[in-house]
Amino acid sequence: MPRTVLRFAGGRELTFGDLGARDGVLGGINAIIVGNYLTTLGRDPQDDLDLLEELSMPVKALSETL
């Protein structure tokens, strides 16, 4: 399903932790909502960027996708 967008969002820190985030990205998650959410505090955005860099996952700016 190459056109499918699978997003990680609020609560993933508590539900999956760092290991779950890593496994999710390797398993096909292709969108991550970073920072604080509407009702939930999130991880530091730099932590997510560091994880993506460590996994050699490219980061595409929103403006490039429009």
C-alpha atoms as a PDB file:
ATOM      1  CA  MET A   1       0.000   0.000   0.000  1.00  0.00           C
ATOM      2  CA  PRO A   2       2.495   2.621  -1.134  1.00  0.00           C
ATOM      3  CA  ARG A   3      -0.019   5.492  -0.908  1.00  0.00           C
ATOM      4  CA  THR A   4      -1.082   4.709   2.653  1.00  0.00           C
ATOM      5  CA  VAL A   5      -0.063   7.094   5.431  1.00  0.00           C
ATOM      6  CA  LEU A   6       0.500   5.400   8.795  1.00  0.00           C
ATOM      7  CA  ARG A   7       0.967   7.943  11.595  1.00  0.00           C
ATOM      8  CA  PHE A   8       2.301   7.755  15.125  1.00  0.00           C
ATOM      9  CA  ALA A   9       0.573  10.333  17.305  1.00  0.00           C
ATOM     10  CA  GLY A  10      -0.247  11.213  20.926  1.00  0.00           C
ATOM     11  CA  GLY A  11       0.196   8.524  23.534  1.00  0.00           C
ATOM     12  CA  ARG A  12       2.803   6.555  21.624  1.00  0.00           C
ATOM     13  CA  GLU A  13       5.434   7.391  24.243  1.00  0.00           C
ATOM     14  CA  LEU A  14       3.379   5.726  26.963  1.00  0.00           C
ATOM     15  CA  THR A  15       2.007   2.881  24.853  1.00  0.00           C
ATOM     16  CA  PHE A  16       5.065   1.856  22.842  1.00  0.00           C
ATOM     17  CA  GLY A  17       8.063   3.560  24.463  1.00  0.00           C
ATOM     18  CA  ASP A  18      11.327   4.040  22.589  1.00  0.00           C
ATOM     19  CA  LEU A  19      11.568   0.432  21.421  1.00  0.00           C
ATOM     20  CA  GLY A  20       8.022   0.516  20.009  1.00  0.00           C
ATOM     21  CA  ALA A  21       8.734   3.749  18.159  1.00  0.00           C
ATOM     22  CA  ARG A  22      11.817   2.203  16.594  1.00  0.00           C
ATOM     23  CA  ASP A  23       9.940  -0.989  15.621  1.00  0.00           C
ATOM     24  CA  GLY A  24       7.008   1.026  14.278  1.00  0.00           C
ATOM     25  CA  VAL A  25       9.197   3.089  11.979  1.00  0.00           C
ATOM     26  CA  LEU A  26      11.007  -0.006  10.764  1.00  0.00           C
ATOM     27  CA  GLY A  27       7.637  -1.726  10.311  1.00  0.00           C
ATOM     28  CA  GLY A  28       6.205   0.913   8.008  1.00  0.00           C
ATOM     29  CA  ILE A  29       5.128   3.980   9.992  1.00  0.00           C
ATOM     30  CA  ASN A  30       5.767   6.836   7.574  1.00  0.00           C
ATOM     31  CA  ALA A  31       4.458   9.858   9.473  1.00  0.00           C
ATOM     32  CA  ILE A  32       5.155  10.987  13.023  1.00  0.00           C
ATOM     33  CA  ILE A  33       3.405  13.805  14.840  1.00  0.00           C
ATOM     34  CA  VAL A  34       6.096  15.421  16.972  1.00  0.00           C
ATOM     35  CA  GLY A  35       6.109  17.710  19.974  1.00  0.00           C
ATOM     36  CA  ASN A  36       3.160  18.296  22.264  1.00  0.00           C
ATOM     37  CA  TYR A  37      -0.325  17.241  21.230  1.00  0.00           C
ATOM     38  CA  LEU A  38      -3.721  18.744  21.926  1.00  0.00           C
ATOM     39  CA  THR A  39      -4.212  16.958  25.264  1.00  0.00           C
ATOM     40  CA  THR A  40      -1.009  14.949  25.706  1.00  0.00           C
ATOM     41  CA  LEU A  41       2.581  16.012  26.270  1.00  0.00           C
ATOM     42  CA  GLY A  42       4.874  14.456  23.706  1.00  0.00           C
ATOM     43  CA  ARG A  43       8.547  13.725  23.350  1.00  0.00           C
ATOM     44  CA  ASP A  44      11.055  16.364  22.453  1.00  0.00           C
ATOM     45  CA  PRO A  45      10.948  16.681  18.628  1.00  0.00           C
ATOM     46  CA  GLN A  46      14.736  16.371  18.543  1.00  0.00           C
ATOM     47  CA  ASP A  47      14.440  12.867  20.064  1.00  0.00           C
ATOM     48  CA  ASP A  48      12.291  11.788  17.105  1.00  0.00           C
ATOM     49  CA  LEU A  49      14.658  13.419  14.620  1.00  0.00           C
ATOM     50  CA  ASP A  50      17.603  11.663  16.259  1.00  0.00           C
ATOM     51  CA  LEU A  51      15.779   8.312  16.021  1.00  0.00           C
ATOM     52  CA  LEU A  52      15.045   8.841  12.325  1.00  0.00           C
ATOM     53  CA  GLU A  53      18.648   9.815  11.653  1.00  0.00           C
ATOM     54  CA  GLU A  54      19.900   6.762  13.560  1.00  0.00           C
ATOM     55  CA  LEU A  55      17.652   4.535  11.428  1.00  0.00           C
ATOM     56  CA  SER A  56      18.764   6.315   8.215  1.00  0.00           C
ATOM     57  CA  MET A  57      15.179   7.387   7.503  1.00  0.00           C
ATOM     58  CA  PRO A  58      14.791  10.502   5.361  1.00  0.00           C
ATOM     59  CA  VAL A  59      12.766  13.428   6.646  1.00  0.00           C
ATOM     60  CA  LYS A  60      10.652  15.195   4.061  1.00  0.00           C
ATOM     61  CA  ALA A  61       9.454  18.712   4.750  1.00  0.00           C
ATOM     62  CA  LEU A  62       5.688  19.217   4.502  1.00  0.00           C
ATOM     63  CA  SER A  63       6.128  21.828   1.771  1.00  0.00           C
ATOM     64  CA  GLU A  64       7.886  19.231  -0.412  1.00  0.00           C
ATOM     65  CA  THR A  65       4.868  16.917  -0.281  1.00  0.00           C
ATOM     66  CA  LEU A  66       2.270  19.479  -1.380  1.00  0.00           C
END
